[in-house]
Protein backbone atom coordinates (compact mmCIF):
# COMPACT_ATOMS: atom_id res chain seq x y z
CA MET A 1 -6.43 4.15 51.31
CA ALA A 2 -8.05 4.55 47.90
CA THR A 3 -7.38 7.76 45.94
CA LYS A 4 -9.74 9.19 43.37
CA VAL A 5 -8.01 10.57 40.28
CA HIS A 6 -9.85 13.73 39.26
CA MET A 7 -9.77 15.60 35.96
CA GLU A 8 -7.69 18.59 37.08
CA ALA A 9 -7.80 22.14 35.78
CA LEU A 10 -4.48 22.09 33.93
CA SER A 11 -4.97 25.55 32.42
CA PRO A 12 -6.56 28.70 33.84
CA THR A 13 -9.53 28.54 31.43
CA MET A 14 -9.96 24.76 31.26
CA GLU A 15 -13.49 23.45 31.93
CA GLU A 16 -13.18 20.01 30.33
CA GLY A 17 -10.32 17.72 29.36
CA GLN A 18 -9.82 14.90 26.89
CA ILE A 19 -7.75 11.80 27.63
CA VAL A 20 -5.14 11.68 24.87
CA LYS A 21 -3.20 8.72 26.27
CA TRP A 22 -3.02 6.71 29.48
CA LEU A 23 0.64 6.22 30.42
CA LYS A 24 -0.33 3.72 33.13
CA SER A 25 -2.56 0.68 32.66
CA GLU A 26 -4.93 -0.98 35.10
CA GLY A 27 -2.86 -3.10 37.48
CA ASP A 28 0.28 -0.95 37.22
CA GLU A 29 2.06 0.23 40.38
CA VAL A 30 1.73 3.99 40.89
CA SER A 31 3.83 6.30 43.05
CA ASN A 32 2.96 9.82 44.11
CA GLY A 33 4.03 12.20 41.31
CA ASP A 34 4.06 9.59 38.55
CA ILE A 35 2.66 10.75 35.23
CA LEU A 36 -0.66 8.96 34.74
CA ALA A 37 -1.95 10.39 31.47
CA GLU A 38 -1.67 13.06 28.79
CA ILE A 39 -4.64 15.44 28.88
CA GLU A 40 -5.68 17.76 26.06
CA THR A 41 -6.84 21.05 27.53
CA ASP A 42 -8.33 24.03 25.73
CA LYS A 43 -4.80 25.25 24.89
CA ALA A 44 -2.25 22.43 25.03
CA THR A 45 -1.57 18.81 25.93
CA MET A 46 -0.57 18.57 29.58
CA GLU A 47 0.57 15.79 31.93
CA LEU A 48 -1.66 14.54 34.75
CA VAL A 49 0.32 13.35 37.77
CA ALA A 50 -0.71 10.91 40.50
CA ARG A 51 -1.74 12.32 43.88
CA GLY A 52 -1.53 8.99 45.67
CA GLU A 53 0.24 5.62 45.80
CA GLY A 54 -0.86 2.06 45.16
CA VAL A 55 -2.17 0.27 42.08
CA LEU A 56 -4.13 1.83 39.23
CA ARG A 57 -7.20 -0.29 39.88
CA LYS A 58 -9.78 1.29 37.61
CA ILE A 59 -9.73 3.56 34.54
CA MET A 60 -13.15 5.17 34.22
CA VAL A 61 -12.60 7.35 31.13
CA GLU A 62 -10.91 5.66 28.19
CA GLU A 63 -8.51 7.30 25.72
CA GLY A 64 -10.36 9.79 23.54
CA GLY A 65 -13.01 10.35 26.20
CA ASN A 66 -13.88 13.73 27.72
CA ALA A 67 -14.56 14.62 31.34
CA PRO A 68 -15.41 17.93 33.05
CA VAL A 69 -12.92 19.35 35.53
CA GLY A 70 -13.47 17.67 38.90
CA ASP A 71 -14.88 14.40 37.56
CA VAL A 72 -13.32 11.12 38.74
CA ILE A 73 -11.51 9.46 35.83
CA ALA A 74 -9.61 6.67 37.64
CA VAL A 75 -9.01 5.08 41.05
CA ILE A 76 -5.69 4.29 42.76
CA ALA A 77 -5.90 1.84 45.67
CA GLY A 78 -4.32 -1.15 47.36
CA GLU A 79 -4.25 -4.38 45.40
CA ASP A 80 -6.94 -6.06 47.52
CA GLU A 81 -8.81 -2.95 48.63
CA ASP A 82 -12.56 -2.81 47.97
CA ILE A 83 -13.20 0.05 45.53
CA SER A 84 -16.72 -0.87 44.43
CA ASP A 85 -18.17 2.31 45.93
CA LEU A 86 -15.55 4.47 44.17
CA ALA A 87 -15.37 2.70 40.82
CA GLY A 88 -19.11 2.44 40.31
CA ASP A 89 -19.24 -1.39 40.33
CA GLU A 90 -22.62 -1.34 42.10
CA PRO A 91 -25.60 -1.50 39.73
CA SER A 92 -26.41 2.06 38.69
CA GLY A 93 -29.71 3.55 37.67
CA GLU A 94 -28.71 2.99 34.06
CA ASP A 95 -28.02 -0.71 34.73
CA GLU A 96 -31.43 -1.10 36.36
CA ALA A 97 -32.99 0.66 33.40
CA ASP A 98 -31.18 -1.74 31.06
CA GLU A 99 -32.53 -4.73 33.03
CA GLN A 100 -36.02 -3.27 32.85
CA ASP A 101 -35.61 -2.74 29.09
CA ALA A 102 -34.49 -6.36 28.76
CA ASP A 103 -37.59 -7.57 30.65
CA GLU A 104 -39.80 -5.42 28.45
CA GLU A 105 -38.08 -6.78 25.32
CA GLU A 106 -38.68 -10.35 26.52
CA ALA A 107 -42.34 -9.53 27.13
CA ASP A 108 -42.54 -7.98 23.67
CA GLU A 109 -41.05 -11.14 22.16
CA ASP A 110 -43.68 -13.29 23.90
CA GLU A 111 -46.38 -10.98 22.66
CA ALA A 112 -44.91 -11.00 19.16
CA SER A 113 -44.86 -14.83 19.22
CA SER A 114 -48.52 -14.83 20.20
CA ASP A 115 -49.27 -12.38 17.41
CA GLU A 116 -47.44 -14.60 14.92
CA ASP A 117 -49.58 -17.59 15.94
CA GLU A 118 -52.68 -15.46 15.50
CA ASP A 119 -51.44 -14.23 12.11
CA ALA A 120 -50.75 -17.81 11.03
CA SER A 121 -54.29 -18.78 12.02
CA LYS A 122 -55.70 -15.85 10.08
CA ALA A 123 -53.53 -16.72 7.06
CA ALA A 124 -54.81 -20.29 7.12
CA GLY A 125 -58.35 -18.98 7.21
CA LYS A 126 -57.63 -16.60 4.37
CA GLU A 127 -56.09 -19.36 2.27
CA ALA A 128 -59.12 -21.47 2.93
CA GLU A 129 -61.27 -18.63 1.69
CA GLU A 130 -59.22 -18.59 -1.52
CA GLU A 131 -60.14 -22.22 -2.04
CA GLU A 132 -63.83 -21.31 -1.96
CA PRO A 133 -65.69 -20.26 -5.08
CA ALA A 134 -64.98 -16.67 -6.04
CA SER A 135 -67.55 -14.06 -5.16
CA GLU A 136 -69.35 -12.06 -7.84
CA ALA A 137 -67.04 -9.11 -7.12
CA ASP A 138 -63.96 -11.32 -7.51
CA GLN A 139 -65.37 -12.79 -10.74
CA ALA A 140 -65.78 -9.28 -12.07
CA GLU A 141 -62.26 -8.38 -11.01
CA ASP A 142 -60.86 -11.61 -12.51
CA GLN A 143 -62.01 -10.50 -15.95
CA GLU A 144 -59.85 -7.38 -15.75
CA GLY A 145 -56.52 -9.21 -16.07
CA GLU A 146 -55.30 -10.06 -19.56
CA GLU A 147 -52.00 -11.53 -20.75
CA ASP A 148 -50.99 -12.70 -24.23
CA GLY A 149 -54.44 -11.81 -25.55
CA ARG A 150 -56.35 -14.13 -23.25
CA ARG A 151 -58.27 -13.52 -20.08
CA ILE A 152 -56.75 -14.91 -16.88
CA LYS A 153 -58.69 -15.57 -13.71
CA ALA A 154 -56.75 -14.64 -10.57
CA SER A 155 -57.61 -13.40 -7.12
CA PRO A 156 -56.60 -9.82 -6.33
CA LEU A 157 -54.08 -11.09 -3.75
CA ALA A 158 -52.51 -13.54 -6.21
CA ARG A 159 -52.33 -10.88 -8.91
CA ARG A 160 -50.57 -8.49 -6.50
CA LEU A 161 -48.06 -11.12 -5.31
CA ALA A 162 -47.27 -12.15 -8.89
CA GLU A 163 -46.62 -8.53 -9.85
CA GLU A 164 -44.30 -8.06 -6.84
CA GLU A 165 -42.34 -11.21 -7.73
CA GLY A 166 -42.22 -10.39 -11.45
CA ILE A 167 -44.07 -13.59 -12.40
CA PRO A 168 -46.34 -13.53 -15.49
CA LEU A 169 -49.78 -14.92 -14.62
CA SER A 170 -49.84 -16.74 -17.95
CA SER A 171 -47.09 -19.06 -16.68
CA LEU A 172 -49.18 -20.26 -13.75
CA GLU A 173 -51.78 -23.00 -13.50
CA GLY A 174 -54.65 -22.02 -11.23
CA SER A 175 -55.71 -24.44 -8.52
CA GLY A 176 -58.73 -22.42 -7.42
CA PRO A 177 -62.33 -22.89 -8.55
CA GLY A 178 -62.63 -22.81 -12.34
CA GLY A 179 -58.81 -22.68 -12.74
CA ARG A 180 -58.60 -19.45 -10.79
CA ILE A 181 -55.03 -18.49 -9.72
CA VAL A 182 -54.84 -18.06 -5.99
CA LYS A 183 -52.15 -17.07 -3.52
CA ARG A 184 -50.72 -20.55 -3.02
CA ASP A 185 -50.14 -20.95 -6.78
CA VAL A 186 -47.88 -17.87 -6.81
CA GLU A 187 -46.05 -18.94 -3.63
CA GLN A 188 -45.44 -22.40 -5.07
CA ALA A 189 -44.03 -20.91 -8.26
CA VAL A 190 -41.67 -18.74 -6.23
CA GLU A 191 -40.48 -21.70 -4.14
CA GLU A 192 -39.96 -24.05 -7.08
CA GLY A 193 -38.54 -21.43 -9.38
CA VAL A 194 -40.56 -22.86 -12.23
CA ALA A 195 -41.95 -19.61 -13.52
CA GLU A 196 -39.72 -17.26 -15.45
CA LYS A 197 -39.78 -13.75 -14.14
CA GLU A 198 -40.68 -10.91 -16.43
CA GLU A 199 -37.68 -9.03 -17.61
CA ALA A 200 -37.77 -5.47 -16.36
CA PRO A 201 -37.20 -2.86 -19.04
CA SER A 202 -33.60 -1.74 -19.18
CA VAL A 203 -33.52 1.73 -17.64
CA PRO A 204 -30.18 3.51 -17.15
CA THR A 205 -29.70 4.31 -13.48
CA PHE A 206 -27.59 7.00 -11.87
CA GLN A 207 -24.76 5.60 -9.77
CA PRO A 208 -23.74 8.12 -7.09
CA ASP A 209 -20.17 8.35 -5.87
CA ALA A 210 -19.25 6.00 -3.08
CA GLU A 211 -18.09 8.98 -1.04
CA GLU A 212 -20.23 9.83 1.99
CA ASP A 213 -22.40 12.97 1.82
CA TYR A 214 -20.67 14.53 4.83
CA GLU A 215 -18.36 13.91 7.77
CA ASP A 216 -19.00 14.95 11.37
CA VAL A 217 -15.82 16.13 13.07
CA SER A 218 -15.74 16.10 16.86
CA LEU A 219 -14.77 19.35 18.54
CA SER A 220 -11.41 19.45 20.27
CA GLN A 221 -11.12 21.13 23.65
CA MET A 222 -9.36 24.06 21.94
CA ARG A 223 -12.10 24.50 19.34
CA LYS A 224 -14.80 24.44 22.06
CA THR A 225 -12.95 27.16 23.97
CA ILE A 226 -12.42 29.26 20.83
CA ALA A 227 -16.15 29.11 20.10
CA LYS A 228 -17.02 30.17 23.64
CA ARG A 229 -14.45 32.99 23.69
CA LEU A 230 -15.64 34.41 20.35
CA VAL A 231 -19.19 34.63 21.66
CA GLN A 232 -17.85 36.43 24.72
CA SER A 233 -15.86 38.84 22.53
CA LEU A 234 -17.59 39.85 19.31
CA GLY A 235 -21.01 40.14 20.94
CA PRO A 236 -20.39 41.88 24.30
CA VAL A 237 -17.24 43.80 23.27
CA PRO A 238 -18.06 46.96 21.24
CA HIS A 239 -15.51 46.69 18.41
CA PHE A 240 -14.48 49.48 16.08
CA PHE A 241 -11.71 49.37 13.48
CA LEU A 242 -8.91 51.66 12.33
CA THR A 243 -6.75 50.96 9.26
CA ILE A 244 -3.41 52.44 8.18
CA ASP A 245 -1.41 51.94 4.99
CA VAL A 246 2.33 51.69 5.70
CA ASP A 247 5.32 52.18 3.41
CA MET A 248 7.51 49.15 4.21
CA THR A 249 10.45 50.14 1.98
CA ARG A 250 12.72 50.99 4.92
CA VAL A 251 11.71 47.78 6.75
CA VAL A 252 12.71 45.68 3.73
CA GLU A 253 16.10 47.40 3.64
CA ALA A 254 16.59 47.19 7.41
CA ARG A 255 15.73 43.48 7.51
CA SER A 256 18.40 42.68 4.92
CA ARG A 257 21.04 44.55 6.94
CA VAL A 258 20.00 43.00 10.26
CA ASN A 259 20.02 39.45 8.87
CA ALA A 260 23.45 40.02 7.38
CA LEU A 261 24.72 41.00 10.85
CA LEU A 262 23.03 38.03 12.56
CA GLU A 263 23.98 35.44 9.95
CA SER A 264 26.99 34.25 11.98
CA GLU A 265 24.72 33.63 14.98
CA GLY A 266 22.31 31.48 12.98
CA VAL A 267 19.41 33.86 13.64
CA LYS A 268 17.06 35.09 10.92
CA VAL A 269 14.65 37.97 11.56
CA SER A 270 11.28 37.96 9.78
CA PHE A 271 9.12 40.90 8.81
CA ASN A 272 6.67 39.80 11.52
CA ASP A 273 9.44 40.01 14.14
CA ILE A 274 10.06 43.63 13.13
CA ILE A 275 6.33 44.41 13.27
CA LEU A 276 6.14 42.89 16.77
CA LYS A 277 9.05 45.00 17.98
CA ALA A 278 7.59 48.16 16.44
CA THR A 279 4.18 47.41 18.00
CA ALA A 280 5.73 46.94 21.44
CA MET A 281 7.59 50.25 21.16
CA ALA A 282 4.42 52.08 20.09
CA LEU A 283 2.42 50.54 22.95
CA LYS A 284 5.08 51.63 25.42
CA LYS A 285 4.45 55.21 24.30
CA HIS A 286 0.65 54.74 24.40
CA PRO A 287 -0.23 52.77 27.54
CA GLU A 288 -3.90 53.72 27.07
CA CYS A 289 -3.96 51.06 24.32
CA ASN A 290 -1.88 48.56 26.28
CA ALA A 291 -4.79 47.91 28.62
CA HIS A 292 -7.45 45.50 29.90
CA TRP A 293 -11.15 46.07 30.51
CA ARG A 294 -11.88 45.01 34.14
CA GLU A 295 -15.64 45.70 34.30
CA ASP A 296 -15.41 48.41 36.99
CA HIS A 297 -12.06 49.86 35.93
CA VAL A 298 -9.45 49.92 33.15
CA ARG A 299 -6.02 48.48 33.87
CA ARG A 300 -3.15 50.11 31.94
CA PHE A 301 0.09 48.17 31.78
CA ASN A 302 3.57 49.64 31.96
CA ARG A 303 5.12 46.49 30.48
CA VAL A 304 4.23 45.13 27.04
CA HIS A 305 3.45 41.41 26.83
CA LEU A 306 2.55 40.67 23.21
CA GLY A 307 0.30 37.79 22.26
CA VAL A 308 1.36 36.38 18.87
CA ALA A 309 -1.41 34.49 17.05
CA VAL A 310 -0.21 31.08 15.82
CA ALA A 311 -2.38 28.85 13.63
CA ILE A 312 -2.39 25.16 14.59
CA ASP A 313 -4.50 22.20 13.44
CA ASP A 314 -7.27 22.74 16.00
CA GLY A 315 -7.49 26.52 15.74
CA LEU A 316 -5.52 29.45 17.06
CA ILE A 317 -3.31 30.00 20.10
CA THR A 318 -1.40 33.10 21.20
CA PRO A 319 2.00 32.47 22.80
CA VAL A 320 3.17 35.52 24.75
CA ILE A 321 6.40 37.46 24.22
CA ARG A 322 6.89 39.02 27.63
CA ASP A 323 8.53 42.44 27.90
CA ALA A 324 8.65 42.68 24.12
CA HIS A 325 9.40 46.42 24.37
CA ALA A 326 12.71 45.66 26.16
CA LYS A 327 13.93 42.80 23.94
CA GLY A 328 16.04 43.05 20.81
CA LEU A 329 15.02 41.76 17.39
CA ALA A 330 17.24 38.68 17.62
CA HIS A 331 15.76 37.74 20.99
CA ILE A 332 12.19 38.21 19.73
CA ALA A 333 12.91 36.20 16.58
CA GLN A 334 14.29 33.23 18.55
CA GLU A 335 11.50 33.32 21.13
CA VAL A 336 8.71 33.50 18.55
CA ARG A 337 10.04 30.47 16.68
CA GLU A 338 10.52 28.44 19.83
CA LEU A 339 7.06 29.22 21.21
CA ALA A 340 5.34 28.73 17.84
CA GLY A 341 7.00 25.34 17.42
CA ARG A 342 5.88 24.12 20.84
CA ALA A 343 2.42 25.60 20.25
CA ARG A 344 1.98 23.40 17.17
CA GLU A 345 3.09 20.40 19.23
CA LYS A 346 0.67 21.41 22.02
CA LYS A 347 3.54 21.58 24.50
CA LEU A 348 3.13 25.14 25.76
CA LYS A 349 2.91 25.74 29.49
CA PRO A 350 -0.02 27.82 30.78
CA ASP A 351 2.19 30.80 31.64
CA GLU A 352 3.45 30.83 28.04
CA TYR A 353 0.04 31.53 26.50
CA THR A 354 -1.65 33.64 29.20
CA GLY A 355 -1.11 37.16 30.49
CA SER A 356 -0.78 39.08 27.21
CA THR A 357 -1.61 42.79 27.29
CA PHE A 358 -2.14 43.21 23.51
CA SER A 359 -2.15 40.83 20.52
CA VAL A 360 -0.97 40.73 16.91
CA SER A 361 -2.37 38.48 14.16
CA ASN A 362 -0.55 38.31 10.81
CA LEU A 363 -2.13 36.65 7.76
CA GLY A 364 0.08 38.33 5.19
CA MET A 365 1.91 35.08 4.44
CA PHE A 366 -1.38 33.66 3.13
CA GLY A 367 -1.83 36.46 0.62
CA ILE A 368 -4.44 38.30 2.71
CA GLU A 369 -4.25 42.02 1.95
CA GLU A 370 -6.49 43.28 4.74
CA PHE A 371 -8.73 41.83 7.47
CA THR A 372 -10.17 42.52 10.91
CA ALA A 373 -9.31 40.44 13.97
CA VAL A 374 -11.49 39.63 16.99
CA ILE A 375 -10.31 41.05 20.32
CA ASN A 376 -9.19 38.55 22.95
CA PRO A 377 -10.84 39.75 26.21
CA PRO A 378 -9.90 41.32 28.54
CA GLU A 379 -7.38 42.91 26.13
CA ALA A 380 -8.53 46.21 24.61
CA GLY A 381 -7.01 45.81 21.16
CA ILE A 382 -5.50 43.56 18.51
CA LEU A 383 -3.64 44.27 15.25
CA ALA A 384 -4.54 42.50 12.00
CA VAL A 385 -1.52 42.59 9.69
CA GLY A 386 -1.99 42.08 5.95
CA GLY A 387 0.50 41.12 3.28
CA MET A 388 3.14 43.38 1.72
CA GLU A 389 2.87 44.19 -1.97
CA GLU A 390 4.37 46.61 -4.44
CA ARG A 391 1.87 49.32 -5.40
CA PRO A 392 2.04 52.54 -7.44
CA VAL A 393 1.71 55.64 -5.24
CA ILE A 394 2.00 59.41 -5.73
CA VAL A 395 4.88 60.90 -3.72
CA ASP A 396 5.42 64.68 -3.93
CA GLY A 397 3.42 64.78 -7.14
CA GLU A 398 5.50 62.01 -8.75
CA LEU A 399 4.46 58.42 -9.49
CA ASP A 400 6.46 55.93 -7.46
CA VAL A 401 6.33 52.20 -6.67
CA GLN A 402 6.53 51.26 -3.01
CA THR A 403 6.21 48.13 -0.89
CA ARG A 404 3.03 48.79 1.06
CA MET A 405 1.19 46.98 3.86
CA LYS A 406 -2.19 47.53 5.55
CA ILE A 407 -2.65 47.15 9.29
CA THR A 408 -6.07 47.22 10.95
CA MET A 409 -6.52 47.76 14.67
CA SER A 410 -9.61 46.33 16.41
CA CYS A 411 -10.43 48.47 19.44
CA ASP A 412 -12.64 47.92 22.46
CA HIS A 413 -14.53 51.22 22.53
CA ARG A 414 -15.01 50.94 26.30
CA VAL A 415 -11.23 51.37 26.70
CA ILE A 416 -9.88 53.00 23.55
CA ASP A 417 -11.39 56.05 21.86
CA GLY A 418 -10.91 56.77 18.16
CA ALA A 419 -8.34 59.50 18.81
CA GLN A 420 -6.32 57.30 21.18
CA GLY A 421 -6.23 54.42 18.70
CA SER A 422 -5.32 56.78 15.87
CA ARG A 423 -2.37 58.28 17.79
CA PHE A 424 -1.07 54.78 18.56
CA LEU A 425 -1.27 53.81 14.87
CA GLN A 426 0.49 57.05 13.85
CA THR A 427 3.40 56.13 16.12
CA LEU A 428 3.50 52.57 14.79
CA LYS A 429 3.47 53.82 11.19
CA ALA A 430 6.30 56.27 11.94
CA VAL A 431 8.45 53.55 13.55
CA LEU A 432 7.98 51.23 10.56
CA GLU A 433 8.49 53.89 7.90
CA GLU A 434 11.44 55.55 9.62
CA PRO A 435 13.00 53.35 12.35
CA LEU A 436 15.07 56.29 13.67
CA THR A 437 11.89 57.88 15.01
CA ALA A 438 11.78 55.16 17.67
CA LEU A 439 14.91 56.68 19.18
CA VAL A 440 13.32 60.11 19.59
């Protein structure tokens, strides 16, 4: 029995998929569970498996093509089974429209042929008129043309054709009444190539670059989803922003000591790993910020699942560090690198980029000092981490130089009030500036 291959929802938020590659070709044997194709979803590239057995008889969406979830993209059936009803082999409305267009085009060609015959007849009549003696109006107009100091008789049509072809009238012999130059004299000169064309004045022309003015880039499934999610976030979600300035001197010292201890294990902790750990610890103390907006209620989480923004070619994806509050720095460092690597290869599984309770976006490595991030609904907050830099500061009335960093928290005002967000940031600042406070 024939089996329709549907575009499946391979991620929780997927509405449309793109065929990256067919791993089976038409005519190949297919078993239940075989991988048929690689599908690009809004988050990653996933594998589409067969839900039936037989032969891949028809591929209906080629590589690079898009299809909404639920659409039929291929047919699996027996080798001799009739699949015309499933594969769309019957003439469709579009095919009938094409046939109708073809009939109309043929009728247009017949009509055009008739028009050409009529035009030829008119042209013959017009040429015959040119052979007749010029009217008084034409005689008057003939006297207007002068070349090389002498008057030249030519019909208006001949004069216009000669000008278009760049042929000086003085080089032509008129065959009309009284030596008048008519249309056929110009046409004959063009055909025989006897007349020398006037040389156009040499005018320097601007030569534009061969490069095209612009390039249209098709949207990937990820970029389409990002666009839709941003509209759902920045518009409906009432954002407000809180910024703190953190002394990172102790973090710099602590990172050096931690990496020295972990060197034998081949693990290297980054500043971002430390910020993630500190954020998770602060959220654990402030569950009112570790929350989701659920329309008719607010859900506060007891466990911290941090979404870590990772930039990839098509946009941004947030792999999730689950139970970040309970994991050590070495564990977080290894997990972040592994998930980020697979995110860039579009190999993340849906449960690896969904379910975060709070997110962190760090652009410090790009030299960004401070920015605001857009909340990822239904989360109630996100941290935007800027770069670290040495700055002069006044400490106890004395000028000092410290390594400072700005962190901005975007808050959903429906969930987090200003005081709640401020208390969370105070705890985060204390953990980063004096790690021992996390033990209190």
